[in-house]
Amino acid sequence: MTQISDLEIFARVARTGNMSAAGREMGLSPAVISKRISLLEDKLGARLFQRTTRQLTLTETGEGYFKRVVDILSLIDEAEDFVTRRNTKPRGILKVTAPTSFSRRHIAPHLPLFFAKYPEIELDIHLSDNFVDIIRDGFDLAIRIGELKDSSLVARKLAPSKRVMCASPAYIAERGLPRNLADLDSHNCLSAGAQDTWRIEGPEGGKQLRVRGNIRTNSNELIRGALLAGLGIALRSTWDIADELQKGELQVVLPEYRGASSVAVYAVYPCREFMPAKVSVFIDFLAELYASEPYWERGAAPSKSSVAKAPATASDRAGIGVARAGEKKTRAFG
């Protein structure tokens, strides 16, 4: 009979792709890890890993075995948690993956309160703006911002994620204000990654707007810095720029338009019959903290001074309509 510890070692090596890294995480030497993997392969009569000088990769047999081992270990965790929930306070290591900027602004500052309520929980938080396979990589849950795709995971909405187009006063003074969506063609629009199509909603309904700018980057932090430095206009979440709007360091442009309302902050986790207490209390904590109207929205409602306005033109005074840029139809990335 294979021991549970062997399955845990195998899963850790599969996730890290390295025996030394797996050993460090489990407090075992690489030699012990290697021996246990070899014994497991001998017992099964199959090679689970393809070995190279630099890393280990799962064989086809190993991939199938890994998927089943993950399910087994998850069931064991659920069984233990079922007992724990009935007899003790939430405890254990909670592995979470979350976006970098959001975590720094809206998770880290509230952790003292969380630990005061749940002192026996330890948090292992992995910050990444890239997609993470939480089942394969062994995470209990993920905090994600965007439009969720269909999957086998369970999602709970924690908060709306409102987005506005904004620019710094310095940029507005130098380049002027866009008076309508068509005017954005003559402005420097800042986007991260593949988000060169903005999905927005306004008086005419939903639109997909192709934008152009002189910066290409995979970093939202860099775009934020460029925005504050006066380099362009960006579509940003209010959770990210609430303070700057209040201080007047940024101003909303074209305030009648917003980012697509389907974008939100979610907690995403594997489907389980018994959710571990450490997972449920963390999700409940964040949901209660943010609520349907998050604190950054209550404190960040743009005042009249934070909404930039362009002076009226002769055409406007005469009642002549302006051109609209609603015909651009490209895939949106939010």
Protein backbone atom coordinates (compact mmCIF):
# COMPACT_ATOMS: atom_id res chain seq x y z
CA MET A 1 0.00 0.00 0.00
CA THR A 2 1.38 3.38 -0.99
CA GLN A 3 1.81 5.77 1.94
CA ILE A 4 0.16 9.17 1.90
CA SER A 5 3.54 10.79 2.49
CA ASP A 6 4.78 9.26 -0.78
CA LEU A 7 1.87 10.83 -2.61
CA GLU A 8 2.60 14.19 -1.00
CA ILE A 9 6.26 13.97 -2.03
CA PHE A 10 5.33 12.99 -5.58
CA ALA A 11 2.84 15.87 -5.89
CA ARG A 12 5.36 18.39 -4.53
CA VAL A 13 8.05 17.27 -6.97
CA ALA A 14 5.55 17.39 -9.84
CA ARG A 15 4.60 20.97 -8.96
CA THR A 16 8.12 22.28 -8.45
CA GLY A 17 9.82 20.23 -11.18
CA ASN A 18 12.83 19.96 -8.90
CA MET A 19 13.73 17.56 -6.09
CA SER A 20 15.83 20.11 -4.24
CA ALA A 21 12.99 22.65 -4.23
CA ALA A 22 10.50 20.00 -3.13
CA GLY A 23 12.88 18.94 -0.37
CA ARG A 24 13.27 22.49 0.90
CA GLU A 25 9.51 22.95 1.07
CA MET A 26 9.04 19.66 2.94
CA GLY A 27 12.11 19.82 5.15
CA LEU A 28 13.73 16.77 3.51
CA SER A 29 17.06 16.33 1.76
CA PRO A 30 17.18 15.89 -2.04
CA ALA A 31 18.61 12.41 -1.48
CA VAL A 32 15.59 11.36 0.58
CA ILE A 33 13.20 12.84 -1.99
CA SER A 34 15.00 11.03 -4.83
CA LYS A 35 14.94 7.71 -2.99
CA ARG A 36 11.23 7.97 -2.17
CA ILE A 37 10.37 8.79 -5.79
CA SER A 38 12.46 5.86 -7.04
CA LEU A 39 10.76 3.49 -4.58
CA LEU A 40 7.35 4.76 -5.67
CA GLU A 41 8.20 4.18 -9.34
CA ASP A 42 9.48 0.68 -8.54
CA LYS A 43 6.31 -0.11 -6.61
CA LEU A 44 4.12 1.10 -9.47
CA GLY A 45 6.28 -0.45 -12.15
CA ALA A 46 6.21 2.74 -14.21
CA ARG A 47 8.36 5.79 -14.80
CA LEU A 48 6.60 8.91 -13.52
CA PHE A 49 9.25 11.51 -14.38
CA GLN A 50 11.44 12.24 -17.36
CA ARG A 51 14.77 13.24 -15.86
CA THR A 52 17.16 15.81 -17.34
CA THR A 53 20.16 17.57 -15.84
CA ARG A 54 18.11 20.66 -15.03
CA GLN A 55 14.57 19.59 -14.26
CA LEU A 56 12.02 16.84 -13.99
CA THR A 57 8.96 16.65 -16.21
CA LEU A 58 6.05 14.28 -15.85
CA THR A 59 5.73 11.42 -18.30
CA GLU A 60 2.32 10.71 -19.82
CA THR A 61 1.78 8.10 -17.10
CA GLY A 62 2.98 10.58 -14.52
CA GLU A 63 0.49 13.21 -15.71
CA GLY A 64 -2.42 10.82 -15.27
CA TYR A 65 -1.14 9.68 -11.88
CA PHE A 66 -0.64 13.28 -10.77
CA LYS A 67 -4.24 14.26 -11.56
CA ARG A 68 -5.54 11.38 -9.47
CA VAL A 69 -3.10 12.00 -6.62
CA VAL A 70 -4.24 15.63 -6.44
CA ASP A 71 -7.84 14.43 -6.08
CA ILE A 72 -6.84 11.94 -3.37
CA LEU A 73 -4.91 14.52 -1.36
CA SER A 74 -7.81 16.94 -1.69
CA LEU A 75 -10.23 14.34 -0.31
CA ILE A 76 -7.89 13.69 2.61
CA ASP A 77 -7.77 17.43 3.35
CA GLU A 78 -11.57 17.57 3.24
CA ALA A 79 -11.88 14.61 5.60
CA GLU A 80 -9.47 16.15 8.09
CA ASP A 81 -11.15 19.52 7.80
CA PHE A 82 -14.56 17.96 8.43
CA VAL A 83 -13.30 16.79 11.80
CA THR A 84 -11.42 20.02 12.47
CA ARG A 85 -14.45 22.20 11.78
CA ARG A 86 -16.44 20.32 14.40
CA ASN A 87 -13.83 20.44 17.11
CA THR A 88 -11.45 23.36 16.72
CA LYS A 89 -11.02 26.85 15.33
CA PRO A 90 -9.92 27.28 11.68
CA ARG A 91 -6.25 26.48 11.40
CA GLY A 92 -3.50 25.42 9.03
CA ILE A 93 -1.65 26.85 6.04
CA LEU A 94 -3.86 28.65 3.53
CA LYS A 95 -2.32 28.90 0.05
CA VAL A 96 -3.65 31.85 -1.94
CA THR A 97 -2.71 33.35 -5.30
CA ALA A 98 -3.75 36.94 -6.01
CA PRO A 99 -2.98 39.93 -8.27
CA THR A 100 0.04 41.94 -7.16
CA SER A 101 -1.35 45.49 -7.02
CA PHE A 102 -4.71 44.53 -5.54
CA SER A 103 -3.03 42.47 -2.83
CA ARG A 104 -0.75 45.30 -1.79
CA ARG A 105 -3.58 47.78 -1.59
CA HIS A 106 -6.56 45.77 -0.41
CA ILE A 107 -5.40 42.52 1.18
CA ALA A 108 -2.12 43.20 3.01
CA PRO A 109 -3.37 46.23 5.01
CA HIS A 110 -6.21 44.15 6.48
CA LEU A 111 -4.23 41.06 7.46
CA PRO A 112 -3.65 42.20 11.08
CA LEU A 113 -7.42 42.11 11.62
CA PHE A 114 -7.69 38.70 9.95
CA PHE A 115 -4.91 37.21 12.09
CA ALA A 116 -6.45 38.71 15.21
CA LYS A 117 -9.64 36.77 14.44
CA TYR A 118 -7.92 33.59 13.21
CA PRO A 119 -4.51 33.32 14.89
CA GLU A 120 -4.07 29.63 14.01
CA ILE A 121 -4.17 30.20 10.24
CA GLU A 122 -0.93 30.77 8.33
CA LEU A 123 -1.10 32.50 4.94
CA ASP A 124 1.09 31.50 2.01
CA ILE A 125 0.29 34.18 -0.60
CA HIS A 126 1.69 33.99 -4.12
CA LEU A 127 1.40 37.28 -6.02
CA SER A 128 1.07 37.05 -9.78
CA ASP A 129 -0.77 38.89 -12.54
CA ASN A 130 -0.60 35.78 -14.75
CA PHE A 131 -3.13 32.96 -14.86
CA VAL A 132 -2.41 30.30 -12.23
CA ASP A 133 -3.80 26.76 -12.34
CA ILE A 134 -4.79 26.52 -8.69
CA ILE A 135 -5.48 22.79 -8.79
CA ARG A 136 -2.24 21.82 -10.48
CA ASP A 137 -0.19 24.24 -8.38
CA GLY A 138 -1.81 23.27 -5.09
CA PHE A 139 -3.54 26.53 -4.12
CA ASP A 140 -6.60 26.61 -1.90
CA LEU A 141 -8.06 29.61 -3.69
CA ALA A 142 -7.32 32.47 -6.06
CA ILE A 143 -8.38 36.11 -6.03
CA ARG A 144 -9.10 37.09 -9.62
CA ILE A 145 -10.22 40.31 -11.27
CA GLY A 146 -11.95 40.20 -14.62
CA GLU A 147 -14.67 38.33 -16.45
CA LEU A 148 -14.67 34.70 -15.41
CA LYS A 149 -14.68 31.98 -18.02
CA ASP A 150 -16.60 28.75 -17.60
CA SER A 151 -14.61 26.21 -15.62
CA SER A 152 -14.92 23.45 -13.06
CA LEU A 153 -14.00 25.93 -10.33
CA VAL A 154 -16.41 27.70 -8.00
CA ALA A 155 -16.44 31.50 -7.95
CA ARG A 156 -17.83 33.94 -5.40
CA LYS A 157 -18.08 37.62 -6.24
CA LEU A 158 -16.34 39.73 -3.61
CA ALA A 159 -16.77 43.20 -5.08
CA PRO A 160 -17.53 45.07 -8.29
CA SER A 161 -14.53 46.45 -10.15
CA LYS A 162 -15.49 49.80 -11.60
CA ARG A 163 -13.14 51.31 -14.16
CA VAL A 164 -12.87 54.85 -15.47
CA MET A 165 -10.82 56.61 -18.12
CA CYS A 166 -8.46 59.05 -16.47
CA ALA A 167 -5.37 61.20 -16.95
CA SER A 168 -3.15 63.47 -14.89
CA PRO A 169 -3.67 67.25 -14.83
CA ALA A 170 -0.24 67.63 -16.48
CA TYR A 171 -1.26 65.48 -19.45
CA ILE A 172 -4.57 67.31 -19.79
CA ALA A 173 -2.81 70.69 -19.70
CA GLU A 174 -0.41 69.61 -22.45
CA ARG A 175 -2.67 67.57 -24.73
CA GLY A 176 -6.16 68.76 -23.93
CA LEU A 177 -9.23 66.65 -23.22
CA PRO A 178 -10.98 64.17 -25.49
CA ARG A 179 -14.52 65.43 -26.02
CA ASN A 180 -15.83 62.10 -27.30
CA LEU A 181 -14.64 58.57 -28.00
CA ALA A 182 -13.45 59.47 -31.49
CA ASP A 183 -11.02 61.99 -29.98
CA LEU A 184 -9.14 59.17 -28.25
CA ASP A 185 -7.57 58.36 -31.64
CA SER A 186 -5.41 61.46 -31.22
CA HIS A 187 -4.41 60.69 -27.63
CA ASN A 188 -1.78 58.42 -26.10
CA CYS A 189 -3.74 55.57 -24.51
CA LEU A 190 -1.90 53.38 -22.00
CA SER A 191 -2.72 49.67 -21.77
CA ALA A 192 -1.04 46.64 -20.21
CA GLY A 193 -0.54 43.35 -22.02
CA ALA A 194 -3.01 42.60 -24.79
CA GLN A 195 -5.53 45.13 -23.50
CA ASP A 196 -5.36 47.39 -26.55
CA THR A 197 -9.12 47.08 -26.87
CA TRP A 198 -11.15 48.77 -24.14
CA ARG A 199 -14.58 47.38 -23.35
CA ILE A 200 -16.69 50.27 -22.17
CA GLU A 201 -20.31 51.13 -21.45
CA GLY A 202 -21.96 54.49 -21.93
CA PRO A 203 -25.08 56.29 -23.14
CA GLU A 204 -25.04 54.27 -26.37
CA GLY A 205 -24.59 50.93 -24.61
CA GLY A 206 -21.57 48.66 -24.72
CA LYS A 207 -18.67 49.35 -27.07
CA GLN A 208 -15.31 47.84 -27.94
CA LEU A 209 -12.78 50.57 -28.53
CA ARG A 210 -9.39 49.97 -30.13
CA VAL A 211 -6.77 52.28 -28.61
CA ARG A 212 -3.15 53.12 -29.37
CA GLY A 213 -0.22 54.25 -27.28
CA ASN A 214 3.57 54.45 -27.24
CA ILE A 215 4.13 52.01 -24.35
CA ARG A 216 3.84 48.23 -24.52
CA THR A 217 4.30 46.32 -21.27
CA ASN A 218 3.00 43.36 -19.30
CA SER A 219 3.08 45.40 -16.08
CA ASN A 220 0.02 47.14 -14.67
CA GLU A 221 2.29 48.87 -12.17
CA LEU A 222 4.30 50.44 -14.98
CA ILE A 223 1.12 51.67 -16.68
CA ARG A 224 -0.01 53.17 -13.38
CA GLY A 225 3.31 54.97 -13.01
CA ALA A 226 3.18 56.25 -16.59
CA LEU A 227 -0.35 57.51 -16.01
CA LEU A 228 0.67 59.47 -12.91
CA ALA A 229 3.73 60.80 -14.75
CA GLY A 230 1.48 62.43 -17.32
CA LEU A 231 2.21 60.17 -20.27
CA GLY A 232 -1.33 59.38 -21.37
CA ILE A 233 -4.90 58.30 -20.71
CA ALA A 234 -5.69 54.92 -19.16
CA LEU A 235 -8.72 52.83 -18.26
CA ARG A 236 -8.11 51.99 -14.61
CA SER A 237 -9.98 50.30 -11.79
CA THR A 238 -11.12 52.62 -9.03
CA TRP A 239 -9.64 50.25 -6.44
CA ASP A 240 -6.27 51.16 -7.97
CA ILE A 241 -6.60 54.95 -8.27
CA ALA A 242 -9.12 55.98 -5.59
CA ASP A 243 -6.59 57.96 -3.55
CA GLU A 244 -5.22 59.73 -6.61
CA LEU A 245 -8.71 60.78 -7.71
CA GLN A 246 -9.42 62.19 -4.26
CA LYS A 247 -6.13 64.10 -4.16
CA GLY A 248 -6.59 65.49 -7.66
CA GLU A 249 -3.50 63.72 -8.97
CA LEU A 250 -5.74 62.08 -11.58
CA GLN A 251 -8.92 63.29 -13.22
CA VAL A 252 -11.72 61.32 -14.86
CA VAL A 253 -12.13 62.01 -18.57
CA LEU A 254 -15.29 61.21 -20.54
CA PRO A 255 -17.10 60.49 -17.24
CA GLU A 256 -20.22 59.26 -19.04
CA TYR A 257 -18.29 56.11 -19.95
CA ARG A 258 -17.12 53.26 -17.70
CA GLY A 259 -15.38 49.94 -18.13
CA ALA A 260 -17.60 46.90 -18.74
CA SER A 261 -19.70 46.17 -15.64
CA SER A 262 -19.15 42.41 -15.97
CA VAL A 263 -15.63 42.82 -14.56
CA ALA A 264 -15.47 42.09 -10.83
CA VAL A 265 -13.28 40.81 -7.99
CA TYR A 266 -13.80 37.09 -7.37
CA ALA A 267 -12.64 34.37 -5.01
CA VAL A 268 -12.14 31.20 -7.04
CA TYR A 269 -11.66 27.76 -5.51
CA PRO A 270 -12.02 24.05 -6.34
CA CYS A 271 -15.44 22.44 -6.08
CA ARG A 272 -15.57 20.43 -2.85
CA GLU A 273 -18.29 18.83 -0.80
CA PHE A 274 -16.71 20.21 2.37
CA MET A 275 -14.93 23.54 2.02
CA PRO A 276 -11.99 23.78 4.45
CA ALA A 277 -12.72 26.19 7.28
CA LYS A 278 -9.50 28.12 6.61
CA VAL A 279 -10.76 28.81 3.06
CA SER A 280 -14.32 29.76 3.96
CA VAL A 281 -13.35 32.18 6.74
CA PHE A 282 -10.85 33.98 4.50
CA ILE A 283 -13.41 34.36 1.71
CA ASP A 284 -16.06 35.53 4.19
CA PHE A 285 -13.59 38.00 5.69
CA LEU A 286 -12.87 39.62 2.31
CA ALA A 287 -16.52 39.58 1.24
CA GLU A 288 -17.57 41.36 4.43
CA LEU A 289 -14.67 43.79 4.13
CA TYR A 290 -15.45 44.84 0.56
CA ALA A 291 -19.25 44.37 0.48
CA SER A 292 -21.43 45.40 -2.47
CA GLU A 293 -20.09 48.96 -2.29
CA PRO A 294 -16.39 48.64 -1.42
CA TYR A 295 -14.75 51.19 0.85
CA TRP A 296 -12.61 52.48 -2.03
CA GLU A 297 -15.81 53.40 -3.90
CA ARG A 298 -17.34 55.14 -0.89
CA GLY A 299 -14.20 57.22 -0.53
CA ALA A 300 -13.47 57.59 -4.22
CA ALA A 301 -16.64 58.95 -5.76
CA PRO A 302 -15.22 61.60 -8.10
CA SER A 303 -15.98 65.09 -6.90
CA LYS A 304 -16.77 67.81 -9.42
CA SER A 305 -13.14 68.92 -9.27
CA SER A 306 -11.88 65.43 -10.14
CA VAL A 307 -13.91 65.21 -13.36
CA ALA A 308 -12.07 66.95 -16.15
CA LYS A 309 -14.21 69.02 -18.52
CA ALA A 310 -13.37 70.47 -21.90
CA PRO A 311 -14.53 74.00 -22.72
CA ALA A 312 -17.59 74.20 -24.95
CA THR A 313 -16.92 74.83 -28.62
CA ALA A 314 -18.90 76.94 -31.05
CA SER A 315 -20.32 73.74 -32.53
CA ASP A 316 -21.59 72.61 -29.14
CA ARG A 317 -23.19 75.99 -28.46
CA ALA A 318 -24.93 75.81 -31.82
CA GLY A 319 -26.25 72.36 -30.99
CA ILE A 320 -24.22 70.55 -33.65
CA GLY A 321 -23.59 66.89 -32.76
CA VAL A 322 -20.07 65.44 -32.45
CA ALA A 323 -18.72 62.31 -34.11
CA ARG A 324 -18.89 59.02 -32.21
CA ALA A 325 -16.44 56.15 -32.28
CA GLY A 326 -18.80 53.26 -31.74
CA GLU A 327 -18.17 51.25 -34.89
CA LYS A 328 -14.88 49.61 -33.93
CA LYS A 329 -15.53 45.92 -33.33
CA THR A 330 -12.57 43.98 -32.01
CA ARG A 331 -12.11 41.48 -29.26
CA ALA A 332 -11.93 43.04 -25.82
CA PHE A 333 -9.61 42.15 -22.99
CA GLY A 334 -11.09 44.48 -20.34
